[in-house]
PDB file of N, CA and C in Angstrom:
ATOM      1  N   MET A   1     -26.294   7.488 100.965  1.00  0.00           N
ATOM      2  CA  MET A   1     -26.167   8.938 101.016  1.00  0.00           C
ATOM      3  C   MET A   1     -24.685   9.301 101.157  1.00  0.00           C
ATOM      4  N   ILE A   2     -24.262  10.337 100.474  1.00  0.00           N
ATOM      5  CA  ILE A   2     -22.861  10.755 100.502  1.00  0.00           C
ATOM      6  C   ILE A   2     -22.615  11.629 101.729  1.00  0.00           C
ATOM      7  N   LYS A   3     -21.558  11.289 102.434  1.00  0.00           N
ATOM      8  CA  LYS A   3     -21.179  12.088 103.592  1.00  0.00           C
ATOM      9  C   LYS A   3     -20.465  13.347 103.119  1.00  0.00           C
ATOM     10  N   PRO A   4     -20.566  14.439 103.859  1.00  0.00           N
ATOM     11  CA  PRO A   4     -19.906  15.681 103.431  1.00  0.00           C
ATOM     12  C   PRO A   4     -18.402  15.528 103.216  1.00  0.00           C
ATOM     13  N   GLU A   5     -17.744  14.676 104.000  1.00  0.00           N
ATOM     14  CA  GLU A   5     -16.296  14.524 103.825  1.00  0.00           C
ATOM     15  C   GLU A   5     -15.949  13.704 102.588  1.00  0.00           C
ATOM     16  N   ASP A   6     -16.940  12.988 102.012  1.00  0.00           N
ATOM     17  CA  ASP A   6     -16.710  12.193 100.808  1.00  0.00           C
ATOM     18  C   ASP A   6     -17.065  12.951  99.529  1.00  0.00           C
ATOM     19  N   GLU A   7     -17.521  14.166  99.644  1.00  0.00           N
ATOM     20  CA  GLU A   7     -17.882  14.973  98.478  1.00  0.00           C
ATOM     21  C   GLU A   7     -16.640  15.229  97.626  1.00  0.00           C
ATOM     22  N   PRO A   8     -16.719  14.999  96.313  1.00  0.00           N
ATOM     23  CA  PRO A   8     -15.548  15.257  95.471  1.00  0.00           C
ATOM     24  C   PRO A   8     -15.203  16.741  95.369  1.00  0.00           C
ATOM     25  N   ALA A   9     -16.179  17.622  95.548  1.00  0.00           N
ATOM     26  CA  ALA A   9     -15.926  19.061  95.438  1.00  0.00           C
ATOM     27  C   ALA A   9     -15.036  19.555  96.575  1.00  0.00           C
ATOM     28  N   LEU A  10     -15.072  18.874  97.707  1.00  0.00           N
ATOM     29  CA  LEU A  10     -14.272  19.324  98.838  1.00  0.00           C
ATOM     30  C   LEU A  10     -12.784  19.099  98.601  1.00  0.00           C
ATOM     31  N   GLU A  11     -12.432  18.134  97.766  1.00  0.00           N
ATOM     32  CA  GLU A  11     -11.022  17.871  97.477  1.00  0.00           C
ATOM     33  C   GLU A  11     -10.391  19.056  96.740  1.00  0.00           C
ATOM     34  N   ARG A  12     -11.122  19.635  95.830  1.00  0.00           N
ATOM     35  CA  ARG A  12     -10.572  20.752  95.053  1.00  0.00           C
ATOM     36  C   ARG A  12     -10.311  21.964  95.940  1.00  0.00           C
ATOM     37  N   LYS A  13     -11.118  22.158  96.958  1.00  0.00           N
ATOM     38  CA  LYS A  13     -10.936  23.317  97.826  1.00  0.00           C
ATOM     39  C   LYS A  13      -9.719  23.172  98.722  1.00  0.00           C
ATOM     40  N   SER A  14      -9.212  21.949  98.876  1.00  0.00           N
ATOM     41  CA  SER A  14      -8.043  21.747  99.715  1.00  0.00           C
ATOM     42  C   SER A  14      -6.742  21.994  98.952  1.00  0.00           C
ATOM     43  N   ALA A  15      -6.842  22.336  97.663  1.00  0.00           N
ATOM     44  CA  ALA A  15      -5.652  22.637  96.868  1.00  0.00           C
ATOM     45  C   ALA A  15      -5.033  23.939  97.367  1.00  0.00           C
ATOM     46  N   PRO A  16      -3.744  24.086  97.183  1.00  0.00           N
ATOM     47  CA  PRO A  16      -3.094  25.337  97.606  1.00  0.00           C
ATOM     48  C   PRO A  16      -3.676  26.551  96.889  1.00  0.00           C
ATOM     49  N   LEU A  17      -3.572  27.685  97.537  1.00  0.00           N
ATOM     50  CA  LEU A  17      -4.143  28.921  96.992  1.00  0.00           C
ATOM     51  C   LEU A  17      -3.548  29.263  95.633  1.00  0.00           C
ATOM     52  N   ALA A  18      -2.249  29.074  95.463  1.00  0.00           N
ATOM     53  CA  ALA A  18      -1.610  29.399  94.177  1.00  0.00           C
ATOM     54  C   ALA A  18      -2.177  28.540  93.053  1.00  0.00           C
ATOM     55  N   GLU A  19      -2.420  27.261  93.333  1.00  0.00           N
ATOM     56  CA  GLU A  19      -2.976  26.373  92.310  1.00  0.00           C
ATOM     57  C   GLU A  19      -4.410  26.757  91.964  1.00  0.00           C
ATOM     58  N   ARG A  20      -5.194  27.128  92.969  1.00  0.00           N
ATOM     59  CA  ARG A  20      -6.571  27.559  92.704  1.00  0.00           C
ATOM     60  C   ARG A  20      -6.599  28.832  91.870  1.00  0.00           C
ATOM     61  N   LYS A  21      -5.686  29.767  92.159  1.00  0.00           N
ATOM     62  CA  LYS A  21      -5.625  31.002  91.370  1.00  0.00           C
ATOM     63  C   LYS A  21      -5.223  30.707  89.929  1.00  0.00           C
ATOM     64  N   LYS A  22      -4.282  29.764  89.749  1.00  0.00           N
ATOM     65  CA  LYS A  22      -3.838  29.402  88.400  1.00  0.00           C
ATOM     66  C   LYS A  22      -4.994  28.789  87.611  1.00  0.00           C
ATOM     67  N   ARG A  23      -5.735  27.893  88.246  1.00  0.00           N
ATOM     68  CA  ARG A  23      -6.877  27.271  87.577  1.00  0.00           C
ATOM     69  C   ARG A  23      -7.951  28.300  87.246  1.00  0.00           C
ATOM     70  N   ALA A  24      -8.170  29.241  88.145  1.00  0.00           N
ATOM     71  CA  ALA A  24      -9.169  30.283  87.896  1.00  0.00           C
ATOM     72  C   ALA A  24      -8.747  31.149  86.711  1.00  0.00           C
ATOM     73  N   ARG A  25      -7.453  31.473  86.636  1.00  0.00           N
ATOM     74  CA  ARG A  25      -6.950  32.289  85.527  1.00  0.00           C
ATOM     75  C   ARG A  25      -7.096  31.543  84.204  1.00  0.00           C
ATOM     76  N   ILE A  26      -6.801  30.247  84.202  1.00  0.00           N
ATOM     77  CA  ILE A  26      -6.945  29.445  82.986  1.00  0.00           C
ATOM     78  C   ILE A  26      -8.416  29.367  82.584  1.00  0.00           C
ATOM     79  N   GLY A  27      -9.285  29.159  83.555  1.00  0.00           N
ATOM     80  CA  GLY A  27     -10.719  29.098  83.269  1.00  0.00           C
ATOM     81  C   GLY A  27     -11.254  30.399  82.703  1.00  0.00           C
ATOM     82  N   ARG A  28     -10.795  31.512  83.274  1.00  0.00           N
ATOM     83  CA  ARG A  28     -11.208  32.820  82.751  1.00  0.00           C
ATOM     84  C   ARG A  28     -10.716  32.999  81.323  1.00  0.00           C
ATOM     85  N   GLY A  29      -9.499  32.557  81.040  1.00  0.00           N
ATOM     86  CA  GLY A  29      -8.951  32.678  79.692  1.00  0.00           C
ATOM     87  C   GLY A  29      -9.750  31.877  78.682  1.00  0.00           C
ATOM     88  N   VAL A  30     -10.185  30.682  79.076  1.00  0.00           N
ATOM     89  CA  VAL A  30     -10.992  29.853  78.176  1.00  0.00           C
ATOM     90  C   VAL A  30     -12.331  30.530  77.896  1.00  0.00           C
ATOM     91  N   ILE A  31     -12.948  31.080  78.919  1.00  0.00           N
ATOM     92  CA  ILE A  31     -14.236  31.767  78.735  1.00  0.00           C
ATOM     93  C   ILE A  31     -14.069  32.980  77.827  1.00  0.00           C
ATOM     94  N   ILE A  32     -13.002  33.736  78.030  1.00  0.00           N
ATOM     95  CA  ILE A  32     -12.764  34.916  77.187  1.00  0.00           C
ATOM     96  C   ILE A  32     -12.507  34.506  75.747  1.00  0.00           C
ATOM     97  N   ALA A  33     -11.747  33.426  75.539  1.00  0.00           N
ATOM     98  CA  ALA A  33     -11.483  32.942  74.179  1.00  0.00           C
ATOM     99  C   ALA A  33     -12.777  32.503  73.497  1.00  0.00           C
ATOM    100  N   LEU A  34     -13.638  31.802  74.217  1.00  0.00           N
ATOM    101  CA  LEU A  34     -14.919  31.391  73.639  1.00  0.00           C
ATOM    102  C   LEU A  34     -15.805  32.593  73.323  1.00  0.00           C
ATOM    103  N   ALA A  35     -15.790  33.584  74.190  1.00  0.00           N
ATOM    104  CA  ALA A  35     -16.583  34.788  73.947  1.00  0.00           C
ATOM    105  C   ALA A  35     -16.075  35.531  72.710  1.00  0.00           C
ATOM    106  N   CYS A  36     -14.758  35.606  72.545  1.00  0.00           N
ATOM    107  CA  CYS A  36     -14.191  36.251  71.357  1.00  0.00           C
ATOM    108  C   CYS A  36     -14.571  35.491  70.091  1.00  0.00           C
ATOM    109  N   TYR A  37     -14.496  34.163  70.157  1.00  0.00           N
ATOM    110  CA  TYR A  37     -14.869  33.344  69.009  1.00  0.00           C
ATOM    111  C   TYR A  37     -16.341  33.571  68.650  1.00  0.00           C
ATOM    112  N   ALA A  38     -17.209  33.618  69.655  1.00  0.00           N
ATOM    113  CA  ALA A  38     -18.634  33.838  69.411  1.00  0.00           C
ATOM    114  C   ALA A  38     -18.877  35.230  68.820  1.00  0.00           C
ATOM    115  N   ALA A  39     -18.154  36.231  69.307  1.00  0.00           N
ATOM    116  CA  ALA A  39     -18.327  37.593  68.788  1.00  0.00           C
ATOM    117  C   ALA A  39     -17.869  37.685  67.338  1.00  0.00           C
ATOM    118  N   ILE A  40     -16.759  37.036  67.011  1.00  0.00           N
ATOM    119  CA  ILE A  40     -16.269  37.045  65.624  1.00  0.00           C
ATOM    120  C   ILE A  40     -17.244  36.313  64.710  1.00  0.00           C
ATOM    121  N   ALA A  41     -17.758  35.164  65.164  1.00  0.00           N
ATOM    122  CA  ALA A  41     -18.718  34.409  64.355  1.00  0.00           C
ATOM    123  C   ALA A  41     -19.997  35.215  64.134  1.00  0.00           C
ATOM    124  N   PHE A  42     -20.475  35.888  65.168  1.00  0.00           N
ATOM    125  CA  PHE A  42     -21.677  36.699  65.025  1.00  0.00           C
ATOM    126  C   PHE A  42     -21.427  37.881  64.092  1.00  0.00           C
ATOM    127  N   GLY A  43     -20.262  38.504  64.190  1.00  0.00           N
ATOM    128  CA  GLY A  43     -19.921  39.599  63.285  1.00  0.00           C
ATOM    129  C   GLY A  43     -19.869  39.141  61.836  1.00  0.00           C
ATOM    130  N   LEU A  44     -19.304  37.969  61.604  1.00  0.00           N
ATOM    131  CA  LEU A  44     -19.266  37.421  60.245  1.00  0.00           C
ATOM    132  C   LEU A  44     -20.673  37.131  59.747  1.00  0.00           C
ATOM    133  N   TYR A  45     -21.508  36.585  60.613  1.00  0.00           N
ATOM    134  CA  TYR A  45     -22.904  36.331  60.254  1.00  0.00           C
ATOM    135  C   TYR A  45     -23.618  37.627  59.871  1.00  0.00           C
ATOM    136  N   LEU A  46     -23.439  38.684  60.672  1.00  0.00           N
ATOM    137  CA  LEU A  46     -24.070  39.972  60.352  1.00  0.00           C
ATOM    138  C   LEU A  46     -23.555  40.532  59.037  1.00  0.00           C
ATOM    139  N   PHE A  47     -22.247  40.436  58.822  1.00  0.00           N
ATOM    140  CA  PHE A  47     -21.667  40.943  57.582  1.00  0.00           C
ATOM    141  C   PHE A  47     -22.259  40.227  56.375  1.00  0.00           C
ATOM    142  N   VAL A  48     -22.333  38.904  56.431  1.00  0.00           N
ATOM    143  CA  VAL A  48     -22.856  38.139  55.302  1.00  0.00           C
ATOM    144  C   VAL A  48     -24.334  38.432  55.100  1.00  0.00           C
ATOM    145  N   SER A  49     -25.103  38.512  56.175  1.00  0.00           N
ATOM    146  CA  SER A  49     -26.539  38.763  56.015  1.00  0.00           C
ATOM    147  C   SER A  49     -26.803  40.162  55.462  1.00  0.00           C
ATOM    148  N   VAL A  50     -26.067  41.155  55.919  1.00  0.00           N
ATOM    149  CA  VAL A  50     -26.246  42.514  55.393  1.00  0.00           C
ATOM    150  C   VAL A  50     -25.800  42.582  53.933  1.00  0.00           C
ATOM    151  N   TYR A  51     -24.727  41.891  53.608  1.00  0.00           N
ATOM    152  CA  TYR A  51     -24.245  41.872  52.217  1.00  0.00           C
ATOM    153  C   TYR A  51     -25.288  41.223  51.298  1.00  0.00           C
ATOM    154  N   MET A  52     -25.884  40.128  51.744  1.00  0.00           N
ATOM    155  CA  MET A  52     -26.878  39.443  50.913  1.00  0.00           C
ATOM    156  C   MET A  52     -28.148  40.280  50.742  1.00  0.00           C
ATOM    157  N   VAL A  53     -28.526  41.018  51.780  1.00  0.00           N
ATOM    158  CA  VAL A  53     -29.723  41.854  51.678  1.00  0.00           C
ATOM    159  C   VAL A  53     -29.450  43.043  50.752  1.00  0.00           C
ATOM    160  N   SER A  54     -28.238  43.593  50.820  1.00  0.00           N
ATOM    161  CA  SER A  54     -27.951  44.774  50.001  1.00  0.00           C
ATOM    162  C   SER A  54     -27.646  44.409  48.543  1.00  0.00           C
ATOM    163  N   ASN A  55     -27.259  43.167  48.270  1.00  0.00           N
ATOM    164  CA  ASN A  55     -26.947  42.731  46.896  1.00  0.00           C
ATOM    165  C   ASN A  55     -27.725  41.443  46.579  1.00  0.00           C
ATOM    166  N   PRO A  56     -29.019  41.546  46.390  1.00  0.00           N
ATOM    167  CA  PRO A  56     -29.807  40.319  46.182  1.00  0.00           C
ATOM    168  C   PRO A  56     -29.487  39.603  44.874  1.00  0.00           C
ATOM    169  N   THR A  57     -28.896  40.301  43.903  1.00  0.00           N
ATOM    170  CA  THR A  57     -28.576  39.637  42.627  1.00  0.00           C
ATOM    171  C   THR A  57     -27.405  38.676  42.795  1.00  0.00           C
ATOM    172  N   ASN A  58     -26.575  38.859  43.826  1.00  0.00           N
ATOM    173  CA  ASN A  58     -25.431  37.980  44.032  1.00  0.00           C
ATOM    174  C   ASN A  58     -25.808  36.731  44.822  1.00  0.00           C
ATOM    175  N   ALA A  59     -26.991  36.707  45.407  1.00  0.00           N
ATOM    176  CA  ALA A  59     -27.398  35.565  46.212  1.00  0.00           C
ATOM    177  C   ALA A  59     -27.961  34.492  45.300  1.00  0.00           C
ATOM    178  N   ASN A  60     -27.167  33.527  44.955  1.00  0.00           N
ATOM    179  CA  ASN A  60     -27.613  32.465  44.046  1.00  0.00           C
ATOM    180  C   ASN A  60     -28.234  31.360  44.822  1.00  0.00           C
TER     181      ASN A  60
END
């Protein structure tokens, strides 16, 4: 059984406050970048699907 003082998660909490804030900011930036990528991909998907439905003769 793992003792509470041997938990790997406890090591990260002992980092200085400035370092934790920096990591949190980087993590938030990665999440926002992924969300933007997903929104752009979904928008492209909607555009292509609407275009294909409105112009069925072009869908080969």
